[in-house]
């Protein structure tokens, strides 16, 4: 049996198995802008308290993650950080009820969240991979 070049179909590759490009490609301006958007969507917590900080980056990442590897990486980073901050907000509730310190801690977490989102957005707009401090990696 001889095989002709047209006999075997190409292997099946699902539509969006991975983001475009590889880690050695520098992010182009559109990828940097989309990564910036993923970080800044966390500021939707100003409109929809606490849950907006998770939902904004999650929706943004789900929509644009296949555009470039940089967008995928920074979107995951934004989700991980904001999930960590959400857990920190949840921990403030029992601390407030038991010790009365939860309110002070919640203000600290809130300010830390906003400052770190702005720092990450600036780094992403410059095309640098940014890792948030004190972040649990969920995604």
N, C-alpha and C. Protein backbone atom coordinates (compact mmCIF):
# COMPACT_ATOMS: atom_id res chain seq x y z
N UNK A 1 0.82 -1.18 0.00
CA UNK A 1 0.00 0.00 0.00
C UNK A 1 0.87 1.24 0.00
N UNK A 2 0.65 2.05 -0.96
CA UNK A 2 1.40 3.30 -1.01
C UNK A 2 0.49 4.45 -0.59
N UNK A 3 1.08 5.35 0.14
CA UNK A 3 0.29 6.49 0.59
C UNK A 3 0.58 7.68 -0.32
N UNK A 4 -0.45 8.27 -0.76
CA UNK A 4 -0.31 9.49 -1.53
C UNK A 4 -0.45 10.68 -0.59
N UNK A 5 0.12 11.80 -0.92
CA UNK A 5 0.08 12.95 -0.02
C UNK A 5 -1.34 13.39 0.35
N UNK A 6 -2.30 13.21 -0.48
CA UNK A 6 -3.66 13.69 -0.20
C UNK A 6 -4.52 12.69 0.54
N UNK A 7 -4.02 11.47 0.80
CA UNK A 7 -4.84 10.43 1.43
C UNK A 7 -5.11 10.70 2.91
N UNK A 8 -4.15 11.22 3.64
CA UNK A 8 -4.33 11.44 5.07
C UNK A 8 -4.77 12.88 5.33
N UNK A 9 -5.90 13.05 6.01
CA UNK A 9 -6.31 14.42 6.32
C UNK A 9 -5.39 15.01 7.38
N UNK A 10 -5.32 16.32 7.43
CA UNK A 10 -4.48 16.95 8.46
C UNK A 10 -5.06 16.66 9.85
N UNK A 11 -4.23 16.67 10.88
CA UNK A 11 -4.75 16.42 12.22
C UNK A 11 -5.74 17.50 12.63
N UNK A 12 -6.71 17.12 13.42
CA UNK A 12 -7.72 18.06 13.88
C UNK A 12 -7.12 19.00 14.92
N UNK A 13 -7.23 20.28 14.68
CA UNK A 13 -6.76 21.27 15.63
C UNK A 13 -7.96 22.12 16.01
N UNK A 14 -8.36 22.08 17.28
CA UNK A 14 -9.52 22.89 17.68
C UNK A 14 -9.28 24.36 17.41
N UNK A 15 -10.36 25.11 17.28
CA UNK A 15 -10.27 26.51 16.90
C UNK A 15 -9.33 27.32 17.77
N UNK A 16 -9.51 27.28 19.05
CA UNK A 16 -8.74 28.18 19.92
C UNK A 16 -7.98 27.38 20.98
N UNK A 17 -7.04 26.58 20.53
CA UNK A 17 -6.29 25.78 21.50
C UNK A 17 -5.30 26.62 22.27
N UNK A 18 -4.74 27.62 21.66
CA UNK A 18 -3.75 28.44 22.34
C UNK A 18 -3.81 29.85 21.79
N UNK A 19 -3.26 30.76 22.54
CA UNK A 19 -3.22 32.15 22.10
C UNK A 19 -2.23 32.29 20.95
N UNK A 20 -2.41 33.32 20.17
CA UNK A 20 -1.56 33.57 19.01
C UNK A 20 -0.17 33.97 19.45
N UNK A 21 0.82 33.52 18.74
CA UNK A 21 2.21 33.89 19.02
C UNK A 21 2.83 33.00 20.08
N UNK A 22 4.11 33.24 20.33
CA UNK A 22 4.78 32.51 21.39
C UNK A 22 5.43 33.52 22.34
N UNK A 23 5.99 33.03 23.39
CA UNK A 23 6.51 33.90 24.44
C UNK A 23 7.71 34.73 24.01
N UNK A 24 8.26 34.45 22.86
CA UNK A 24 9.40 35.21 22.38
C UNK A 24 8.99 36.38 21.50
N UNK A 25 7.71 36.40 21.10
CA UNK A 25 7.22 37.52 20.32
C UNK A 25 6.89 38.68 21.25
N UNK A 26 7.45 39.86 21.00
CA UNK A 26 7.07 41.00 21.84
C UNK A 26 5.62 41.38 21.58
N UNK A 27 4.92 41.84 22.59
CA UNK A 27 3.52 42.20 22.37
C UNK A 27 3.39 43.44 21.49
N UNK A 28 2.49 43.36 20.53
CA UNK A 28 2.24 44.50 19.66
C UNK A 28 1.31 45.49 20.39
N UNK A 29 1.13 46.68 19.87
CA UNK A 29 0.32 47.68 20.57
C UNK A 29 -1.11 47.22 20.87
N UNK A 30 -1.72 46.48 19.96
CA UNK A 30 -3.09 46.03 20.23
C UNK A 30 -3.12 45.01 21.38
N UNK A 31 -2.12 44.15 21.46
CA UNK A 31 -2.05 43.19 22.57
C UNK A 31 -1.82 43.91 23.89
N UNK A 32 -0.98 44.93 23.87
CA UNK A 32 -0.74 45.71 25.09
C UNK A 32 -2.01 46.42 25.55
N UNK A 33 -2.78 46.96 24.59
CA UNK A 33 -4.02 47.64 24.94
C UNK A 33 -5.05 46.68 25.51
N UNK A 34 -5.13 45.48 24.94
CA UNK A 34 -6.09 44.49 25.45
C UNK A 34 -5.68 44.01 26.84
N UNK A 35 -4.38 43.85 27.08
CA UNK A 35 -3.91 43.46 28.42
C UNK A 35 -4.19 44.58 29.42
N UNK A 36 -4.00 45.81 29.00
CA UNK A 36 -4.33 46.97 29.82
C UNK A 36 -5.81 46.94 30.19
N UNK A 37 -6.66 46.62 29.21
CA UNK A 37 -8.09 46.56 29.46
C UNK A 37 -8.42 45.47 30.49
N UNK A 38 -7.77 44.32 30.38
CA UNK A 38 -8.02 43.23 31.34
C UNK A 38 -7.73 43.68 32.77
N UNK A 39 -6.66 44.44 32.95
CA UNK A 39 -6.32 44.92 34.28
C UNK A 39 -7.30 46.00 34.74
N UNK A 40 -7.60 46.95 33.87
CA UNK A 40 -8.45 48.07 34.26
C UNK A 40 -9.91 47.68 34.47
N UNK A 41 -10.34 46.57 33.90
CA UNK A 41 -11.72 46.12 34.14
C UNK A 41 -11.94 45.75 35.61
N UNK A 42 -10.88 45.55 36.35
CA UNK A 42 -11.01 45.29 37.78
C UNK A 42 -11.56 46.52 38.51
N UNK A 43 -11.39 47.68 37.92
CA UNK A 43 -11.92 48.89 38.54
C UNK A 43 -13.44 48.99 38.41
N UNK A 44 -14.05 47.99 37.76
CA UNK A 44 -15.51 47.94 37.75
C UNK A 44 -16.06 47.70 39.15
N UNK A 45 -15.16 47.39 40.10
CA UNK A 45 -15.59 47.24 41.49
C UNK A 45 -16.07 48.57 42.05
N UNK A 46 -15.70 49.67 41.42
CA UNK A 46 -16.18 50.97 41.86
C UNK A 46 -17.67 51.13 41.57
N UNK A 47 -18.16 50.40 40.55
CA UNK A 47 -19.58 50.44 40.20
C UNK A 47 -20.33 49.29 40.85
N UNK A 48 -19.76 48.10 40.78
CA UNK A 48 -20.36 46.89 41.34
C UNK A 48 -19.41 46.39 42.43
N UNK A 49 -19.63 46.82 43.69
CA UNK A 49 -18.66 46.53 44.75
C UNK A 49 -18.31 45.05 44.88
N UNK A 50 -17.07 44.80 45.15
CA UNK A 50 -16.43 43.51 45.42
C UNK A 50 -16.55 42.54 44.25
N UNK A 51 -17.74 42.14 43.84
CA UNK A 51 -17.90 41.15 42.77
C UNK A 51 -17.43 41.70 41.42
N UNK A 52 -17.54 43.00 41.21
CA UNK A 52 -17.11 43.60 39.95
C UNK A 52 -15.63 43.45 39.71
N UNK A 53 -14.86 43.38 40.79
CA UNK A 53 -13.41 43.24 40.62
C UNK A 53 -13.04 41.88 40.05
N UNK A 54 -13.90 40.89 40.22
CA UNK A 54 -13.64 39.57 39.66
C UNK A 54 -14.33 39.43 38.30
N UNK A 55 -15.56 39.89 38.21
CA UNK A 55 -16.32 39.72 36.97
C UNK A 55 -15.75 40.52 35.80
N UNK A 56 -15.26 41.73 36.06
CA UNK A 56 -14.70 42.56 34.98
C UNK A 56 -13.53 41.88 34.28
N UNK A 57 -12.46 41.52 35.01
CA UNK A 57 -11.33 40.86 34.35
C UNK A 57 -11.70 39.49 33.76
N UNK A 58 -12.60 38.77 34.41
CA UNK A 58 -13.00 37.44 33.90
C UNK A 58 -13.68 37.57 32.55
N UNK A 59 -14.63 38.47 32.44
CA UNK A 59 -15.33 38.65 31.17
C UNK A 59 -14.37 39.18 30.11
N UNK A 60 -13.54 40.15 30.48
CA UNK A 60 -12.57 40.67 29.53
C UNK A 60 -11.60 39.60 29.04
N UNK A 61 -11.11 38.78 29.95
CA UNK A 61 -10.17 37.72 29.57
C UNK A 61 -10.84 36.68 28.68
N UNK A 62 -12.07 36.29 29.01
CA UNK A 62 -12.77 35.29 28.21
C UNK A 62 -13.01 35.78 26.78
N UNK A 63 -13.20 37.07 26.61
CA UNK A 63 -13.48 37.61 25.28
C UNK A 63 -12.20 37.74 24.44
N UNK A 64 -11.08 38.15 25.04
CA UNK A 64 -9.91 38.50 24.24
C UNK A 64 -8.69 37.60 24.47
N UNK A 65 -8.83 36.52 25.19
CA UNK A 65 -7.65 35.71 25.54
C UNK A 65 -6.97 35.05 24.35
N UNK A 66 -7.67 34.87 23.25
CA UNK A 66 -7.08 34.17 22.11
C UNK A 66 -6.39 35.11 21.13
N UNK A 67 -6.35 36.39 21.44
CA UNK A 67 -5.74 37.34 20.52
C UNK A 67 -4.22 37.28 20.52
N UNK A 68 -3.61 37.10 21.69
CA UNK A 68 -2.15 37.11 21.79
C UNK A 68 -1.77 36.46 23.11
N UNK A 69 -0.60 35.86 23.16
CA UNK A 69 -0.17 35.20 24.40
C UNK A 69 -0.06 36.18 25.56
N UNK A 70 0.32 37.43 25.26
CA UNK A 70 0.48 38.44 26.30
C UNK A 70 -0.86 38.78 26.95
N UNK A 71 -1.90 38.87 26.14
CA UNK A 71 -3.24 39.15 26.65
C UNK A 71 -3.72 38.00 27.52
N UNK A 72 -3.47 36.79 27.09
CA UNK A 72 -3.86 35.60 27.86
C UNK A 72 -3.15 35.58 29.21
N UNK A 73 -1.86 35.84 29.22
CA UNK A 73 -1.08 35.82 30.45
C UNK A 73 -1.53 36.90 31.42
N UNK A 74 -1.67 38.12 30.93
CA UNK A 74 -2.04 39.22 31.82
C UNK A 74 -3.50 39.14 32.27
N UNK A 75 -4.36 38.58 31.43
CA UNK A 75 -5.75 38.37 31.84
C UNK A 75 -5.84 37.37 32.98
N UNK A 76 -5.08 36.28 32.89
CA UNK A 76 -5.05 35.30 33.98
C UNK A 76 -4.50 35.93 35.25
N UNK A 77 -3.49 36.75 35.10
CA UNK A 77 -2.90 37.42 36.26
C UNK A 77 -3.90 38.34 36.93
N UNK A 78 -4.67 39.08 36.13
CA UNK A 78 -5.68 39.97 36.69
C UNK A 78 -6.77 39.19 37.42
N UNK A 79 -7.18 38.07 36.85
CA UNK A 79 -8.21 37.23 37.50
C UNK A 79 -7.68 36.68 38.81
N UNK A 80 -6.46 36.15 38.80
CA UNK A 80 -5.89 35.58 40.02
C UNK A 80 -5.79 36.61 41.14
N UNK A 81 -5.33 37.80 40.80
CA UNK A 81 -5.18 38.84 41.82
C UNK A 81 -6.54 39.24 42.38
N UNK A 82 -7.51 39.41 41.50
CA UNK A 82 -8.81 39.88 41.97
C UNK A 82 -9.59 38.79 42.71
N UNK A 83 -9.35 37.54 42.39
CA UNK A 83 -9.92 36.46 43.21
C UNK A 83 -9.29 36.46 44.60
N UNK A 84 -7.99 36.70 44.66
CA UNK A 84 -7.31 36.78 45.95
C UNK A 84 -7.86 37.95 46.76
N UNK A 85 -8.08 39.09 46.12
CA UNK A 85 -8.64 40.25 46.82
C UNK A 85 -10.07 39.97 47.27
N UNK A 86 -10.83 39.24 46.47
CA UNK A 86 -12.20 38.87 46.85
C UNK A 86 -12.19 38.02 48.12
N UNK A 87 -11.27 37.08 48.19
CA UNK A 87 -11.13 36.26 49.40
C UNK A 87 -10.73 37.12 50.59
N UNK A 88 -9.86 38.09 50.36
CA UNK A 88 -9.46 39.00 51.44
C UNK A 88 -10.65 39.81 51.94
N UNK A 89 -11.51 40.27 51.02
CA UNK A 89 -12.71 40.99 51.44
C UNK A 89 -13.63 40.09 52.26
N UNK A 90 -13.76 38.84 51.82
CA UNK A 90 -14.61 37.90 52.57
C UNK A 90 -14.06 37.63 53.96
N UNK A 91 -12.74 37.61 54.11
CA UNK A 91 -12.14 37.39 55.42
C UNK A 91 -12.33 38.60 56.34
N UNK A 92 -12.56 39.76 55.75
CA UNK A 92 -12.78 40.96 56.56
C UNK A 92 -14.11 40.90 57.31
N UNK A 93 -15.08 40.18 56.78
CA UNK A 93 -16.41 40.13 57.40
C UNK A 93 -16.36 39.48 58.78
N UNK A 94 -15.83 38.26 58.93
CA UNK A 94 -15.79 37.69 60.29
C UNK A 94 -14.84 38.45 61.22
N UNK A 95 -13.77 39.03 60.67
CA UNK A 95 -12.87 39.81 61.51
C UNK A 95 -13.57 41.06 62.05
N UNK A 96 -14.46 41.62 61.25
CA UNK A 96 -15.22 42.78 61.70
C UNK A 96 -16.21 42.38 62.78
N UNK A 97 -16.86 41.25 62.59
CA UNK A 97 -17.87 40.80 63.57
C UNK A 97 -17.24 40.38 64.89
N UNK A 98 -16.08 39.76 64.85
CA UNK A 98 -15.47 39.22 66.07
C UNK A 98 -14.57 40.24 66.75
N UNK A 99 -13.66 40.82 66.01
CA UNK A 99 -12.67 41.70 66.63
C UNK A 99 -12.90 43.19 66.37
N UNK A 100 -13.71 43.52 65.39
CA UNK A 100 -13.92 44.91 65.05
C UNK A 100 -12.82 45.50 64.19
N UNK A 101 -11.86 44.69 63.78
CA UNK A 101 -10.74 45.18 62.95
C UNK A 101 -10.98 45.00 61.46
N UNK A 102 -12.06 44.32 61.11
CA UNK A 102 -12.33 44.02 59.70
C UNK A 102 -12.54 45.26 58.86
N UNK A 103 -13.13 46.31 59.44
CA UNK A 103 -13.36 47.54 58.69
C UNK A 103 -12.06 48.21 58.30
N UNK A 104 -11.12 48.27 59.22
CA UNK A 104 -9.81 48.86 58.94
C UNK A 104 -9.06 48.02 57.90
N UNK A 105 -9.14 46.71 58.06
CA UNK A 105 -8.49 45.82 57.10
C UNK A 105 -9.13 45.92 55.73
N UNK A 106 -10.46 46.07 55.67
CA UNK A 106 -11.14 46.20 54.39
C UNK A 106 -10.71 47.47 53.66
N UNK A 107 -10.51 48.56 54.38
CA UNK A 107 -10.04 49.80 53.76
C UNK A 107 -8.63 49.60 53.21
N UNK A 108 -7.77 48.93 53.96
CA UNK A 108 -6.42 48.65 53.49
C UNK A 108 -6.45 47.79 52.23
N UNK A 109 -7.27 46.74 52.23
CA UNK A 109 -7.37 45.85 51.06
C UNK A 109 -7.89 46.62 49.86
N UNK A 110 -8.87 47.50 50.08
CA UNK A 110 -9.46 48.29 49.00
C UNK A 110 -8.42 49.20 48.35
N UNK A 111 -7.66 49.92 49.16
CA UNK A 111 -6.63 50.82 48.63
C UNK A 111 -5.53 50.03 47.93
N UNK A 112 -5.11 48.91 48.55
CA UNK A 112 -4.08 48.06 47.95
C UNK A 112 -4.55 47.53 46.60
N UNK A 113 -5.82 47.13 46.51
CA UNK A 113 -6.39 46.61 45.27
C UNK A 113 -6.33 47.66 44.17
N UNK A 114 -6.77 48.86 44.45
CA UNK A 114 -6.78 49.92 43.43
C UNK A 114 -5.36 50.29 42.99
N UNK A 115 -4.45 50.43 43.94
CA UNK A 115 -3.08 50.80 43.60
C UNK A 115 -2.41 49.72 42.75
N UNK A 116 -2.57 48.47 43.11
CA UNK A 116 -1.93 47.39 42.36
C UNK A 116 -2.52 47.24 40.96
N UNK A 117 -3.82 47.47 40.81
CA UNK A 117 -4.44 47.41 39.48
C UNK A 117 -3.86 48.50 38.59
N UNK A 118 -3.68 49.69 39.13
CA UNK A 118 -3.12 50.79 38.34
C UNK A 118 -1.67 50.50 37.97
N UNK A 119 -0.89 49.98 38.91
CA UNK A 119 0.51 49.62 38.62
C UNK A 119 0.57 48.55 37.53
N UNK A 120 -0.28 47.53 37.63
CA UNK A 120 -0.29 46.46 36.62
C UNK A 120 -0.71 47.00 35.26
N UNK A 121 -1.67 47.91 35.23
CA UNK A 121 -2.11 48.48 33.96
C UNK A 121 -0.99 49.28 33.30
N UNK A 122 -0.24 50.03 34.08
CA UNK A 122 0.88 50.79 33.53
C UNK A 122 1.95 49.84 32.99
N UNK A 123 2.25 48.78 33.73
CA UNK A 123 3.25 47.81 33.26
C UNK A 123 2.79 47.11 31.99
N UNK A 124 1.50 46.73 31.93
CA UNK A 124 0.98 46.05 30.75
C UNK A 124 0.99 46.97 29.53
N UNK A 125 0.70 48.24 29.74
CA UNK A 125 0.72 49.16 28.60
C UNK A 125 2.14 49.36 28.07
N UNK A 126 3.13 49.10 28.91
CA UNK A 126 4.53 49.15 28.47
C UNK A 126 5.01 47.85 27.88
N UNK A 127 4.18 46.82 27.87
CA UNK A 127 4.55 45.54 27.29
C UNK A 127 5.33 44.64 28.21
N UNK A 128 5.31 44.93 29.52
CA UNK A 128 6.05 44.12 30.49
C UNK A 128 5.13 43.12 31.17
N UNK A 129 5.64 41.92 31.37
CA UNK A 129 4.88 40.92 32.14
C UNK A 129 4.88 41.35 33.60
N UNK A 130 3.71 41.49 34.18
CA UNK A 130 3.61 41.94 35.56
C UNK A 130 3.01 40.83 36.40
N UNK A 131 3.58 40.61 37.57
CA UNK A 131 3.05 39.66 38.53
C UNK A 131 2.66 40.43 39.79
N UNK A 132 1.39 40.32 40.15
CA UNK A 132 0.91 40.98 41.35
C UNK A 132 1.54 40.35 42.59
N UNK A 133 1.85 41.15 43.61
CA UNK A 133 2.34 40.56 44.86
C UNK A 133 1.18 39.96 45.66
N UNK A 134 1.50 39.02 46.53
CA UNK A 134 0.52 38.40 47.44
C UNK A 134 -0.66 37.78 46.71
N UNK A 135 -0.40 37.11 45.61
CA UNK A 135 -1.46 36.56 44.78
C UNK A 135 -1.43 35.03 44.80
N UNK A 136 -2.61 34.45 44.97
CA UNK A 136 -2.77 33.00 44.86
C UNK A 136 -3.07 32.70 43.39
N UNK A 137 -2.36 31.75 42.82
CA UNK A 137 -2.54 31.39 41.40
C UNK A 137 -3.65 30.35 41.28
N UNK A 138 -4.84 30.79 40.87
CA UNK A 138 -5.96 29.90 40.68
C UNK A 138 -6.04 29.42 39.23
N UNK A 139 -5.86 30.35 38.29
CA UNK A 139 -6.02 30.04 36.86
C UNK A 139 -4.64 29.90 36.24
